[in-house]
Amino acid sequence: MTTPPFEPASEHDLAVASAQLGRPVRNVLGIAARCVCGNPTVVATAPRLADGTPFPTLYYLSHPAATAAMSDLEAEHVMVELQDALADEALSAQYHSAHQAYLADRSVFGEVPEIAGISAGGMPTRVKCLHALAAHALAAGPGVNPIGDLALARGDWSPEVCECVDYLIDA
């Protein structure tokens, strides 16, 4: 089993991600994707939080512009369209593979019986949270999570363009 390819989080990364979220980050394992400017876009979170709570969302979208773009798509009912697209057998098979990849990435950090077989975003059969699916797509790279890729392509945010704001700390 190999470790997912994310970088350790520096104190600066943790401070920026906390500012992005408007709250302290919890149990960050590393930075799974970055903005072109270097700020965190996706943080990787432990499958069990320090207080013992099971946490299935390994890849957590932290960038405010990316989060807003996914929220806009959800408000526009794009999740329904993407859910309907899963009727295509090839897309459905790719989505199931994304689910398996997600579980494999998270299992590197320990098995948590309460969330066994549960990935994120509704995988492998539903489209439930575009934030989680986009986070996985950004962390894993293009071609791994087809629904996350489609959501990123439909949104008005791009990982190729910095939209970070000055409130992000100077550390």
N, C-alpha and C. Protein backbone atom coordinates (compact mmCIF):
# COMPACT_ATOMS: atom_id res chain seq x y z
N MET A 1 0.85 -1.18 0.00
CA MET A 1 0.00 0.00 0.00
C MET A 1 0.90 1.24 0.00
N THR A 2 0.61 2.18 -0.86
CA THR A 2 1.42 3.38 -0.94
C THR A 2 0.70 4.56 -0.30
N THR A 3 1.47 5.53 0.10
CA THR A 3 0.91 6.73 0.70
C THR A 3 0.41 7.66 -0.40
N PRO A 4 -0.80 8.20 -0.25
CA PRO A 4 -1.28 9.17 -1.24
C PRO A 4 -0.30 10.33 -1.39
N PRO A 5 -0.24 10.89 -2.57
CA PRO A 5 0.78 11.92 -2.84
C PRO A 5 0.38 13.31 -2.37
N PHE A 6 0.40 13.52 -1.08
CA PHE A 6 0.23 14.89 -0.63
C PHE A 6 1.38 15.29 0.27
N GLU A 7 1.60 16.59 0.28
CA GLU A 7 2.73 17.16 1.00
C GLU A 7 2.38 17.38 2.46
N PRO A 8 3.37 17.29 3.34
CA PRO A 8 3.11 17.66 4.73
C PRO A 8 2.65 19.13 4.79
N ALA A 9 1.81 19.43 5.74
CA ALA A 9 1.32 20.80 5.91
C ALA A 9 2.27 21.56 6.83
N SER A 10 2.67 22.73 6.38
CA SER A 10 3.48 23.61 7.23
C SER A 10 2.56 24.38 8.16
N GLU A 11 3.15 25.04 9.13
CA GLU A 11 2.35 25.90 10.02
C GLU A 11 1.64 26.99 9.20
N HIS A 12 2.34 27.51 8.19
CA HIS A 12 1.73 28.51 7.31
C HIS A 12 0.52 27.91 6.57
N ASP A 13 0.66 26.70 6.04
CA ASP A 13 -0.45 26.03 5.35
C ASP A 13 -1.65 25.88 6.28
N LEU A 14 -1.39 25.46 7.52
CA LEU A 14 -2.48 25.27 8.47
C LEU A 14 -3.17 26.59 8.80
N ALA A 15 -2.39 27.65 8.94
CA ALA A 15 -2.96 28.96 9.22
C ALA A 15 -3.79 29.45 8.03
N VAL A 16 -3.29 29.26 6.82
CA VAL A 16 -4.03 29.68 5.63
C VAL A 16 -5.31 28.87 5.49
N ALA A 17 -5.23 27.55 5.63
CA ALA A 17 -6.42 26.71 5.51
C ALA A 17 -7.45 27.08 6.59
N SER A 18 -7.00 27.38 7.79
CA SER A 18 -7.91 27.82 8.85
C SER A 18 -8.59 29.13 8.47
N ALA A 19 -7.83 30.06 7.92
CA ALA A 19 -8.40 31.33 7.46
C ALA A 19 -9.39 31.09 6.32
N GLN A 20 -9.05 30.20 5.41
CA GLN A 20 -9.95 29.89 4.30
C GLN A 20 -11.28 29.35 4.81
N LEU A 21 -11.23 28.47 5.79
CA LEU A 21 -12.43 27.84 6.32
C LEU A 21 -13.16 28.69 7.35
N GLY A 22 -12.47 29.67 7.90
CA GLY A 22 -13.08 30.50 8.94
C GLY A 22 -13.16 29.79 10.28
N ARG A 23 -12.36 28.76 10.45
CA ARG A 23 -12.29 27.99 11.70
C ARG A 23 -10.98 27.22 11.71
N PRO A 24 -10.54 26.79 12.87
CA PRO A 24 -9.31 25.99 12.90
C PRO A 24 -9.49 24.67 12.14
N VAL A 25 -8.48 24.30 11.37
CA VAL A 25 -8.52 23.00 10.70
C VAL A 25 -8.36 21.91 11.75
N ARG A 26 -8.81 20.72 11.39
CA ARG A 26 -8.73 19.59 12.32
C ARG A 26 -7.99 18.44 11.69
N ASN A 27 -7.04 17.91 12.40
CA ASN A 27 -6.38 16.65 12.07
C ASN A 27 -5.91 16.57 10.62
N VAL A 28 -5.25 17.62 10.16
CA VAL A 28 -4.75 17.67 8.79
C VAL A 28 -3.54 16.76 8.65
N LEU A 29 -3.61 15.88 7.66
CA LEU A 29 -2.50 14.97 7.35
C LEU A 29 -1.53 15.61 6.37
N GLY A 30 -2.04 16.52 5.53
CA GLY A 30 -1.19 17.17 4.53
C GLY A 30 -2.01 18.01 3.58
N ILE A 31 -1.33 18.57 2.61
CA ILE A 31 -1.97 19.39 1.59
C ILE A 31 -2.06 18.53 0.32
N ALA A 32 -3.28 18.26 -0.12
CA ALA A 32 -3.51 17.35 -1.24
C ALA A 32 -3.56 18.06 -2.58
N ALA A 33 -3.83 19.36 -2.58
CA ALA A 33 -3.81 20.16 -3.81
C ALA A 33 -3.59 21.61 -3.42
N ARG A 34 -2.92 22.32 -4.31
CA ARG A 34 -2.58 23.72 -4.06
C ARG A 34 -3.05 24.61 -5.19
N CYS A 35 -3.30 25.87 -4.85
CA CYS A 35 -3.55 26.92 -5.83
C CYS A 35 -2.24 27.16 -6.59
N VAL A 36 -2.32 27.75 -7.75
CA VAL A 36 -1.10 28.05 -8.50
C VAL A 36 -0.17 28.97 -7.72
N CYS A 37 -0.71 29.72 -6.76
CA CYS A 37 0.13 30.60 -5.95
C CYS A 37 0.80 29.87 -4.79
N GLY A 38 0.38 28.63 -4.54
CA GLY A 38 0.98 27.83 -3.47
C GLY A 38 0.11 27.64 -2.25
N ASN A 39 -0.98 28.39 -2.14
CA ASN A 39 -1.87 28.22 -0.99
C ASN A 39 -2.63 26.89 -1.09
N PRO A 40 -3.05 26.35 0.05
CA PRO A 40 -3.83 25.11 0.02
C PRO A 40 -5.15 25.30 -0.74
N THR A 41 -5.53 24.27 -1.46
CA THR A 41 -6.84 24.19 -2.10
C THR A 41 -7.61 23.02 -1.51
N VAL A 42 -6.90 21.92 -1.24
CA VAL A 42 -7.50 20.73 -0.64
C VAL A 42 -6.59 20.25 0.48
N VAL A 43 -7.19 20.07 1.66
CA VAL A 43 -6.44 19.49 2.77
C VAL A 43 -6.85 18.02 2.91
N ALA A 44 -5.91 17.21 3.32
CA ALA A 44 -6.20 15.81 3.62
C ALA A 44 -6.39 15.70 5.12
N THR A 45 -7.49 15.06 5.51
CA THR A 45 -7.88 14.98 6.92
C THR A 45 -7.89 13.52 7.38
N ALA A 46 -7.46 13.30 8.59
CA ALA A 46 -7.40 11.95 9.16
C ALA A 46 -8.78 11.30 9.17
N PRO A 47 -8.84 9.98 9.00
CA PRO A 47 -10.13 9.29 9.00
C PRO A 47 -10.77 9.18 10.38
N ARG A 48 -10.03 9.48 11.41
CA ARG A 48 -10.59 9.57 12.76
C ARG A 48 -10.03 10.83 13.39
N LEU A 49 -10.91 11.72 13.81
CA LEU A 49 -10.47 12.97 14.41
C LEU A 49 -9.92 12.72 15.81
N ALA A 50 -9.22 13.69 16.33
CA ALA A 50 -8.57 13.55 17.64
C ALA A 50 -9.57 13.24 18.75
N ASP A 51 -10.82 13.70 18.60
CA ASP A 51 -11.83 13.43 19.63
C ASP A 51 -12.49 12.07 19.46
N GLY A 52 -12.02 11.28 18.46
CA GLY A 52 -12.54 9.94 18.23
C GLY A 52 -13.63 9.86 17.17
N THR A 53 -14.08 10.98 16.66
CA THR A 53 -15.14 10.99 15.66
C THR A 53 -14.64 10.42 14.34
N PRO A 54 -15.35 9.46 13.76
CA PRO A 54 -14.99 8.98 12.43
C PRO A 54 -15.20 10.10 11.41
N PHE A 55 -14.29 10.23 10.45
CA PHE A 55 -14.37 11.31 9.47
C PHE A 55 -14.05 10.75 8.09
N PRO A 56 -15.08 10.46 7.29
CA PRO A 56 -14.83 9.81 6.00
C PRO A 56 -14.19 10.71 4.94
N THR A 57 -14.28 12.02 5.11
CA THR A 57 -13.84 12.95 4.06
C THR A 57 -12.33 13.18 4.12
N LEU A 58 -11.58 12.30 3.48
CA LEU A 58 -10.12 12.45 3.42
C LEU A 58 -9.74 13.74 2.72
N TYR A 59 -10.35 14.01 1.56
CA TYR A 59 -10.01 15.19 0.77
C TYR A 59 -11.07 16.27 1.00
N TYR A 60 -10.63 17.38 1.62
CA TYR A 60 -11.55 18.43 2.05
C TYR A 60 -11.21 19.72 1.31
N LEU A 61 -12.16 20.23 0.55
CA LEU A 61 -11.97 21.45 -0.23
C LEU A 61 -11.92 22.64 0.72
N SER A 62 -10.83 23.38 0.69
CA SER A 62 -10.66 24.52 1.61
C SER A 62 -10.66 25.87 0.91
N HIS A 63 -10.35 25.91 -0.36
CA HIS A 63 -10.21 27.19 -1.08
C HIS A 63 -11.58 27.85 -1.23
N PRO A 64 -11.75 29.08 -0.74
CA PRO A 64 -13.07 29.73 -0.77
C PRO A 64 -13.66 29.88 -2.17
N ALA A 65 -12.87 30.21 -3.17
CA ALA A 65 -13.41 30.39 -4.52
C ALA A 65 -13.86 29.04 -5.10
N ALA A 66 -13.10 28.00 -4.85
CA ALA A 66 -13.48 26.67 -5.32
C ALA A 66 -14.75 26.20 -4.61
N THR A 67 -14.80 26.44 -3.31
CA THR A 67 -15.98 26.06 -2.53
C THR A 67 -17.21 26.81 -3.03
N ALA A 68 -17.07 28.10 -3.29
CA ALA A 68 -18.19 28.90 -3.79
C ALA A 68 -18.65 28.39 -5.15
N ALA A 69 -17.71 28.03 -6.01
CA ALA A 69 -18.07 27.52 -7.34
C ALA A 69 -18.87 26.23 -7.23
N MET A 70 -18.47 25.33 -6.34
CA MET A 70 -19.21 24.08 -6.17
C MET A 70 -20.58 24.35 -5.54
N SER A 71 -20.65 25.29 -4.62
CA SER A 71 -21.95 25.67 -4.02
C SER A 71 -22.89 26.23 -5.08
N ASP A 72 -22.35 27.04 -5.98
CA ASP A 72 -23.17 27.58 -7.08
C ASP A 72 -23.72 26.46 -7.95
N LEU A 73 -22.89 25.49 -8.28
CA LEU A 73 -23.35 24.37 -9.10
C LEU A 73 -24.44 23.58 -8.38
N GLU A 74 -24.25 23.37 -7.08
CA GLU A 74 -25.27 22.65 -6.32
C GLU A 74 -26.59 23.43 -6.32
N ALA A 75 -26.51 24.74 -6.16
CA ALA A 75 -27.72 25.59 -6.18
C ALA A 75 -28.40 25.56 -7.54
N GLU A 76 -27.61 25.35 -8.59
CA GLU A 76 -28.15 25.28 -9.96
C GLU A 76 -28.62 23.86 -10.31
N HIS A 77 -28.63 22.96 -9.33
CA HIS A 77 -29.11 21.59 -9.49
C HIS A 77 -28.27 20.75 -10.45
N VAL A 78 -27.01 21.10 -10.58
CA VAL A 78 -26.10 20.32 -11.44
C VAL A 78 -25.92 18.91 -10.89
N MET A 79 -26.07 18.74 -9.58
CA MET A 79 -25.94 17.40 -9.01
C MET A 79 -26.95 16.44 -9.62
N VAL A 80 -28.16 16.94 -9.89
CA VAL A 80 -29.20 16.10 -10.50
C VAL A 80 -28.75 15.67 -11.89
N GLU A 81 -28.21 16.59 -12.67
CA GLU A 81 -27.72 16.25 -14.01
C GLU A 81 -26.60 15.21 -13.94
N LEU A 82 -25.68 15.42 -13.01
CA LEU A 82 -24.56 14.49 -12.89
C LEU A 82 -25.01 13.12 -12.37
N GLN A 83 -26.00 13.14 -11.48
CA GLN A 83 -26.58 11.88 -11.01
C GLN A 83 -27.21 11.13 -12.19
N ASP A 84 -27.96 11.85 -13.01
CA ASP A 84 -28.59 11.22 -14.18
C ASP A 84 -27.54 10.69 -15.15
N ALA A 85 -26.41 11.37 -15.24
CA ALA A 85 -25.34 10.93 -16.15
C ALA A 85 -24.77 9.57 -15.74
N LEU A 86 -24.93 9.20 -14.47
CA LEU A 86 -24.43 7.90 -14.01
C LEU A 86 -25.20 6.73 -14.62
N ALA A 87 -26.27 7.00 -15.37
CA ALA A 87 -26.96 5.94 -16.09
C ALA A 87 -26.06 5.36 -17.18
N ASP A 88 -25.09 6.14 -17.62
CA ASP A 88 -24.11 5.65 -18.59
C ASP A 88 -23.20 4.64 -17.88
N GLU A 89 -23.16 3.43 -18.40
CA GLU A 89 -22.42 2.36 -17.73
C GLU A 89 -20.93 2.65 -17.61
N ALA A 90 -20.35 3.25 -18.62
CA ALA A 90 -18.91 3.54 -18.58
C ALA A 90 -18.61 4.58 -17.51
N LEU A 91 -19.42 5.63 -17.47
CA LEU A 91 -19.22 6.67 -16.46
C LEU A 91 -19.43 6.10 -15.06
N SER A 92 -20.46 5.29 -14.92
CA SER A 92 -20.73 4.66 -13.63
C SER A 92 -19.56 3.78 -13.18
N ALA A 93 -18.98 3.04 -14.11
CA ALA A 93 -17.82 2.19 -13.77
C ALA A 93 -16.63 3.03 -13.35
N GLN A 94 -16.39 4.15 -14.04
CA GLN A 94 -15.29 5.05 -13.67
C GLN A 94 -15.53 5.63 -12.27
N TYR A 95 -16.78 5.99 -11.99
CA TYR A 95 -17.14 6.55 -10.69
C TYR A 95 -16.93 5.51 -9.59
N HIS A 96 -17.26 4.27 -9.86
CA HIS A 96 -17.02 3.21 -8.90
C HIS A 96 -15.53 3.04 -8.65
N SER A 97 -14.74 3.14 -9.71
CA SER A 97 -13.28 3.07 -9.56
C SER A 97 -12.75 4.23 -8.72
N ALA A 98 -13.34 5.41 -8.89
CA ALA A 98 -12.95 6.57 -8.08
C ALA A 98 -13.23 6.30 -6.60
N HIS A 99 -14.36 5.70 -6.33
CA HIS A 99 -14.72 5.31 -4.95
C HIS A 99 -13.66 4.37 -4.37
N GLN A 100 -13.26 3.37 -5.14
CA GLN A 100 -12.25 2.41 -4.68
C GLN A 100 -10.91 3.10 -4.45
N ALA A 101 -10.54 4.03 -5.34
CA ALA A 101 -9.28 4.77 -5.18
C ALA A 101 -9.31 5.61 -3.91
N TYR A 102 -10.45 6.24 -3.65
CA TYR A 102 -10.61 7.07 -2.45
C TYR A 102 -10.42 6.21 -1.19
N LEU A 103 -11.11 5.07 -1.17
CA LEU A 103 -10.99 4.18 -0.02
C LEU A 103 -9.55 3.70 0.17
N ALA A 104 -8.88 3.40 -0.92
CA ALA A 104 -7.49 2.94 -0.84
C ALA A 104 -6.59 4.04 -0.29
N ASP A 105 -6.79 5.27 -0.75
CA ASP A 105 -6.01 6.40 -0.24
C ASP A 105 -6.21 6.55 1.26
N ARG A 106 -7.46 6.51 1.70
CA ARG A 106 -7.76 6.73 3.12
C ARG A 106 -7.27 5.58 3.98
N SER A 107 -7.32 4.36 3.47
CA SER A 107 -6.94 3.20 4.28
C SER A 107 -5.49 3.23 4.71
N VAL A 108 -4.66 3.98 3.99
CA VAL A 108 -3.25 4.12 4.37
C VAL A 108 -3.13 4.69 5.78
N PHE A 109 -4.13 5.44 6.20
CA PHE A 109 -4.08 6.12 7.50
C PHE A 109 -4.88 5.41 8.57
N GLY A 110 -5.23 4.17 8.33
CA GLY A 110 -5.90 3.36 9.32
C GLY A 110 -7.33 3.04 8.92
N GLU A 111 -7.77 1.91 9.39
CA GLU A 111 -9.14 1.48 9.14
C GLU A 111 -10.02 1.99 10.28
N VAL A 112 -11.15 2.53 9.92
CA VAL A 112 -12.13 3.01 10.90
C VAL A 112 -13.42 2.25 10.62
N PRO A 113 -13.75 1.28 11.46
CA PRO A 113 -14.89 0.40 11.18
C PRO A 113 -16.21 1.15 10.93
N GLU A 114 -16.41 2.25 11.60
CA GLU A 114 -17.68 2.99 11.46
C GLU A 114 -17.87 3.57 10.05
N ILE A 115 -16.79 3.74 9.31
CA ILE A 115 -16.90 4.32 7.96
C ILE A 115 -16.38 3.37 6.88
N ALA A 116 -16.26 2.09 7.24
CA ALA A 116 -15.77 1.09 6.27
C ALA A 116 -16.67 1.11 5.03
N GLY A 117 -16.06 1.20 3.88
CA GLY A 117 -16.80 1.18 2.62
C GLY A 117 -17.44 2.49 2.23
N ILE A 118 -17.34 3.50 3.09
CA ILE A 118 -17.93 4.82 2.81
C ILE A 118 -16.81 5.75 2.36
N SER A 119 -16.97 6.32 1.18
CA SER A 119 -15.96 7.29 0.72
C SER A 119 -16.51 8.69 0.96
N ALA A 120 -16.84 9.41 -0.09
CA ALA A 120 -17.34 10.77 0.08
C ALA A 120 -18.13 11.18 -1.15
N GLY A 121 -18.96 12.18 -0.99
CA GLY A 121 -19.66 12.77 -2.12
C GLY A 121 -20.74 11.91 -2.73
N GLY A 122 -21.10 10.80 -2.06
CA GLY A 122 -22.13 9.92 -2.57
C GLY A 122 -21.60 8.73 -3.36
N MET A 123 -20.28 8.70 -3.57
CA MET A 123 -19.72 7.59 -4.33
C MET A 123 -20.07 6.27 -3.63
N PRO A 124 -20.27 5.20 -4.33
CA PRO A 124 -20.09 5.02 -5.77
C PRO A 124 -21.38 5.11 -6.58
N THR A 125 -22.53 5.36 -5.95
CA THR A 125 -23.79 5.28 -6.70
C THR A 125 -24.55 6.59 -6.79
N ARG A 126 -24.21 7.57 -5.95
CA ARG A 126 -24.95 8.82 -5.93
C ARG A 126 -24.01 10.00 -6.11
N VAL A 127 -24.59 11.13 -6.49
CA VAL A 127 -23.86 12.40 -6.51
C VAL A 127 -24.48 13.23 -5.40
N LYS A 128 -23.75 13.37 -4.29
CA LYS A 128 -24.31 13.98 -3.09
C LYS A 128 -23.62 15.30 -2.73
N CYS A 129 -22.32 15.43 -2.97
CA CYS A 129 -21.59 16.63 -2.55
C CYS A 129 -20.50 16.95 -3.57
N LEU A 130 -20.74 17.99 -4.35
CA LEU A 130 -19.75 18.36 -5.37
C LEU A 130 -18.45 18.86 -4.75
N HIS A 131 -18.52 19.42 -3.55
CA HIS A 131 -17.31 19.88 -2.87
C HIS A 131 -16.35 18.71 -2.65
N ALA A 132 -16.87 17.61 -2.13
CA ALA A 132 -16.03 16.44 -1.86
C ALA A 132 -15.53 15.81 -3.14
N LEU A 133 -16.37 15.77 -4.16
CA LEU A 133 -15.97 15.15 -5.43
C LEU A 133 -14.93 15.99 -6.15
N ALA A 134 -15.09 17.31 -6.11
CA ALA A 134 -14.09 18.20 -6.71
C ALA A 134 -12.78 18.11 -5.94
N ALA A 135 -12.86 18.03 -4.61
CA ALA A 135 -11.64 17.91 -3.80
C ALA A 135 -10.88 16.64 -4.19
N HIS A 136 -11.61 15.54 -4.35
CA HIS A 136 -10.96 14.29 -4.75
C HIS A 136 -10.33 14.43 -6.13
N ALA A 137 -11.06 15.04 -7.06
CA ALA A 137 -10.53 15.23 -8.41
C ALA A 137 -9.27 16.08 -8.40
N LEU A 138 -9.26 17.13 -7.61
CA LEU A 138 -8.08 17.98 -7.53
C LEU A 138 -6.90 17.25 -6.89
N ALA A 139 -7.18 16.47 -5.85
CA ALA A 139 -6.11 15.75 -5.15
C ALA A 139 -5.55 14.62 -6.00
N ALA A 140 -6.42 13.87 -6.65
CA ALA A 140 -6.00 12.69 -7.40
C ALA A 140 -5.51 13.01 -8.80
N GLY A 141 -5.95 14.14 -9.34
CA GLY A 141 -5.58 14.52 -10.70
C GLY A 141 -6.67 14.13 -11.69
N PRO A 142 -6.62 14.72 -12.87
CA PRO A 142 -7.64 14.45 -13.88
C PRO A 142 -7.73 12.97 -14.25
N GLY A 143 -8.96 12.53 -14.49
CA GLY A 143 -9.18 11.16 -14.94
C GLY A 143 -9.45 10.15 -13.85
N VAL A 144 -9.32 10.53 -12.59
CA VAL A 144 -9.57 9.59 -11.50
C VAL A 144 -11.03 9.65 -11.06
N ASN A 145 -11.54 10.85 -10.83
CA ASN A 145 -12.93 11.00 -10.40
C ASN A 145 -13.70 11.74 -11.50
N PRO A 146 -14.43 11.01 -12.33
CA PRO A 146 -15.07 11.65 -13.48
C PRO A 146 -16.13 12.68 -13.11
N ILE A 147 -16.86 12.46 -12.04
CA ILE A 147 -17.89 13.42 -11.64
C ILE A 147 -17.22 14.67 -11.06
N GLY A 148 -16.17 14.50 -10.29
CA GLY A 148 -15.41 15.65 -9.80
C GLY A 148 -14.81 16.44 -10.95
N ASP A 149 -14.28 15.73 -11.95
CA ASP A 149 -13.74 16.41 -13.13
C ASP A 149 -14.82 17.21 -13.85
N LEU A 150 -16.00 16.61 -14.02
CA LEU A 150 -17.10 17.31 -14.69
C LEU A 150 -17.54 18.54 -13.90
N ALA A 151 -17.60 18.42 -12.59
CA ALA A 151 -17.98 19.56 -11.76
C ALA A 151 -16.96 20.69 -11.89
N LEU A 152 -15.69 20.34 -11.85
CA LEU A 152 -14.66 21.37 -12.01
C LEU A 152 -14.75 22.03 -13.38
N ALA A 153 -15.05 21.26 -14.41
CA ALA A 153 -15.16 21.82 -15.75
C ALA A 153 -16.39 22.74 -15.88
N ARG A 154 -17.43 22.45 -15.12
CA ARG A 154 -18.67 23.24 -15.19
C ARG A 154 -18.61 24.50 -14.33
N GLY A 155 -17.80 24.51 -13.31
CA GLY A 155 -17.76 25.63 -12.38
C GLY A 155 -17.05 26.85 -12.95
N ASP A 156 -17.22 27.96 -12.26
CA ASP A 156 -16.58 29.21 -12.72
C ASP A 156 -15.28 29.49 -11.98
N TRP A 157 -14.67 28.43 -11.44
CA TRP A 157 -13.36 28.54 -10.78
C TRP A 157 -12.42 27.59 -11.50
N SER A 158 -11.17 27.98 -11.60
CA SER A 158 -10.17 27.12 -12.22
C SER A 158 -8.96 27.01 -11.31
N PRO A 159 -8.42 25.80 -11.17
CA PRO A 159 -7.20 25.64 -10.38
C PRO A 159 -5.99 26.29 -11.06
N GLU A 160 -6.15 26.72 -12.29
CA GLU A 160 -5.07 27.37 -13.03
C GLU A 160 -4.99 28.87 -12.81
N VAL A 161 -5.98 29.44 -12.10
CA VAL A 161 -6.05 30.89 -11.89
C VAL A 161 -6.15 31.17 -10.39
N CYS A 162 -5.22 31.96 -9.86
CA CYS A 162 -5.26 32.29 -8.44
C CYS A 162 -6.39 33.27 -8.16
N GLU A 163 -7.22 32.90 -7.19
CA GLU A 163 -8.27 33.79 -6.70
C GLU A 163 -8.14 33.96 -5.19
N CYS A 164 -6.96 33.75 -4.68
CA CYS A 164 -6.73 33.92 -3.25
C CYS A 164 -6.88 35.41 -2.91
N VAL A 165 -7.30 35.67 -1.70
CA VAL A 165 -7.53 37.05 -1.28
C VAL A 165 -6.54 37.45 -0.20
N ASP A 166 -6.43 38.73 0.01
CA ASP A 166 -5.44 39.27 0.94
C ASP A 166 -5.66 38.89 2.39
N TYR A 167 -6.87 38.45 2.76
CA TYR A 167 -7.09 38.09 4.15
C TYR A 167 -6.24 36.90 4.56
N LEU A 168 -5.76 36.15 3.56
CA LEU A 168 -4.91 35.02 3.90
C LEU A 168 -3.64 35.55 4.54
N ILE A 169 -3.26 34.94 5.59
CA ILE A 169 -2.26 35.48 6.50
C ILE A 169 -0.85 35.59 5.92
N ASP A 170 -0.09 36.43 6.52
CA ASP A 170 1.33 36.59 6.18
C ASP A 170 2.14 35.89 7.25
N ALA A 171 2.43 34.64 7.03
CA ALA A 171 3.21 33.92 8.04
C ALA A 171 4.48 33.39 7.41
